[in-house]
Amino acid sequence: MRGIEGEQVLLRIILSESRTLDHKPLFRRIVELLRAEGMAGVTVLKGIAGFGHDRRMHNVAIEVAAEGLPIIVELVDSPEHVDRVLPKIEALMGDGGVIMLERAKVLRYAKSTPSAS
């Protein structure tokens, strides 16, 4: 496990869950890329509501029929690692979506241990 601590970068990608690339969900392609590139870790969050540039509301009122819900892919890593993968992410994203960078102070990055029964 590669450790990260102190001042790092938070990369946040927001895209529609309905986005695909080669018949595969785009967020999964992004996660696979980030794993292959050795990022410290990635979290994918599914939004329950949102709207984008088209101002059309997407929500889970009828979850079976819901489409286009927001997916958020986040990772925290060193600026060097993030800068290295950013062009590859931008190439996968094509049109649409949001990519943001923020400073992040990592206070803890530790392996989870199983709880004792």
Protein backbone atom coordinates (compact mmCIF):
# COMPACT_ATOMS: atom_id res chain seq x y z
CA MET A 1 0.00 0.00 0.00
CA ARG A 2 1.44 3.35 -1.07
CA GLY A 3 0.97 5.91 1.67
CA ILE A 4 -0.24 9.43 1.19
CA GLU A 5 -0.37 12.11 3.85
CA GLY A 6 -0.29 15.86 4.21
CA GLU A 7 -1.10 18.20 1.32
CA GLN A 8 -2.52 16.28 -1.64
CA VAL A 9 -5.05 16.87 -4.43
CA LEU A 10 -8.72 15.85 -4.53
CA LEU A 11 -9.91 15.03 -8.03
CA ARG A 12 -13.70 14.98 -8.41
CA ILE A 13 -15.44 13.91 -11.60
CA ILE A 14 -19.20 14.33 -12.03
CA LEU A 15 -20.94 12.60 -14.91
CA SER A 16 -24.24 11.01 -15.79
CA GLU A 17 -24.67 7.35 -14.89
CA SER A 18 -26.11 6.82 -18.36
CA ARG A 19 -22.79 7.76 -20.05
CA THR A 20 -21.08 4.80 -21.68
CA LEU A 21 -17.93 4.13 -23.64
CA ASP A 22 -17.79 1.04 -25.83
CA HIS A 23 -21.02 -0.24 -24.23
CA LYS A 24 -19.57 -0.03 -20.70
CA PRO A 25 -20.50 2.55 -18.03
CA LEU A 26 -18.05 5.44 -18.31
CA PHE A 27 -17.54 5.67 -14.56
CA ARG A 28 -16.34 2.05 -14.54
CA ARG A 29 -13.90 2.75 -17.36
CA ILE A 30 -12.56 5.70 -15.34
CA VAL A 31 -12.19 3.60 -12.17
CA GLU A 32 -10.38 0.87 -14.13
CA LEU A 33 -8.01 3.46 -15.58
CA LEU A 34 -7.29 4.97 -12.17
CA ARG A 35 -6.63 1.54 -10.66
CA ALA A 36 -4.33 0.57 -13.52
CA GLU A 37 -2.45 3.86 -13.10
CA GLY A 38 -1.77 3.08 -9.41
CA MET A 39 -3.87 5.76 -7.76
CA ALA A 40 -4.02 5.56 -3.96
CA GLY A 41 -7.78 4.87 -3.99
CA VAL A 42 -11.05 5.82 -5.68
CA THR A 43 -14.61 6.21 -4.41
CA VAL A 44 -17.73 6.29 -6.59
CA LEU A 45 -20.87 7.91 -5.23
CA LYS A 46 -24.32 7.80 -6.81
CA GLY A 47 -26.42 10.92 -6.50
CA ILE A 48 -30.13 10.75 -5.81
CA ALA A 49 -30.95 13.95 -7.69
CA GLY A 50 -29.33 16.59 -9.82
CA PHE A 51 -29.38 18.67 -12.98
CA GLY A 52 -26.75 19.79 -15.42
CA HIS A 53 -26.31 22.28 -18.22
CA ASP A 54 -29.60 21.21 -19.80
CA ARG A 55 -31.44 22.18 -16.55
CA ARG A 56 -33.42 18.91 -16.75
CA MET A 57 -34.00 17.43 -13.29
CA HIS A 58 -32.90 13.84 -12.74
CA ASN A 59 -34.03 12.10 -9.56
CA VAL A 60 -34.91 8.73 -8.06
CA ALA A 61 -38.63 9.44 -7.65
CA ILE A 62 -39.24 6.32 -9.70
CA GLU A 63 -35.88 4.58 -9.36
CA VAL A 64 -36.63 1.92 -11.96
CA ALA A 65 -37.31 4.61 -14.56
CA ALA A 66 -34.60 7.01 -13.34
CA GLU A 67 -31.88 7.74 -15.85
CA GLY A 68 -29.05 10.19 -15.98
CA LEU A 69 -28.52 10.33 -12.22
CA PRO A 70 -25.25 11.95 -11.20
CA ILE A 71 -22.23 9.76 -10.50
CA ILE A 72 -19.31 11.26 -8.58
CA VAL A 73 -15.86 9.70 -8.85
CA GLU A 74 -13.40 10.99 -6.25
CA LEU A 75 -9.78 10.29 -5.54
CA VAL A 76 -7.10 11.84 -3.38
CA ASP A 77 -3.49 11.47 -4.41
CA SER A 78 -0.30 13.46 -4.96
CA PRO A 79 -0.37 16.33 -7.45
CA GLU A 80 2.13 14.44 -9.62
CA HIS A 81 -0.05 11.32 -9.85
CA VAL A 82 -3.20 13.34 -10.58
CA ASP A 83 -1.45 15.48 -13.21
CA ARG A 84 -0.23 12.31 -14.92
CA VAL A 85 -3.72 10.77 -15.28
CA LEU A 86 -5.72 13.94 -15.96
CA PRO A 87 -5.18 13.95 -19.77
CA LYS A 88 -6.28 10.30 -19.93
CA ILE A 89 -9.43 11.06 -17.95
CA GLU A 90 -10.21 14.06 -20.15
CA ALA A 91 -9.82 11.86 -23.24
CA LEU A 92 -12.30 9.31 -21.83
CA MET A 93 -14.80 12.00 -20.81
CA GLY A 94 -15.20 13.53 -24.27
CA ASP A 95 -18.09 16.01 -24.16
CA GLY A 96 -20.01 16.60 -20.96
CA GLY A 97 -19.29 16.09 -17.31
CA VAL A 98 -17.34 18.12 -14.78
CA ILE A 99 -13.75 17.65 -13.62
CA MET A 100 -12.62 19.54 -10.50
CA LEU A 101 -9.40 19.74 -8.53
CA GLU A 102 -9.13 20.89 -4.91
CA ARG A 103 -6.41 20.92 -2.31
CA ALA A 104 -6.85 18.22 0.31
CA LYS A 105 -5.05 17.67 3.59
CA VAL A 106 -4.88 13.94 4.31
CA LEU A 107 -4.99 13.29 8.04
CA ARG A 108 -5.27 9.52 7.84
CA TYR A 109 -4.80 6.96 5.10
CA ALA A 110 -4.69 3.54 6.70
CA LYS A 111 -5.66 -0.01 5.88
CA SER A 112 -8.93 -1.09 7.47
CA THR A 113 -8.62 -3.93 9.92
CA PRO A 114 -11.41 -6.45 10.53
CA SER A 115 -13.29 -5.82 13.75
CA ALA A 116 -12.94 -8.37 16.51
CA SER A 117 -16.07 -10.43 17.23
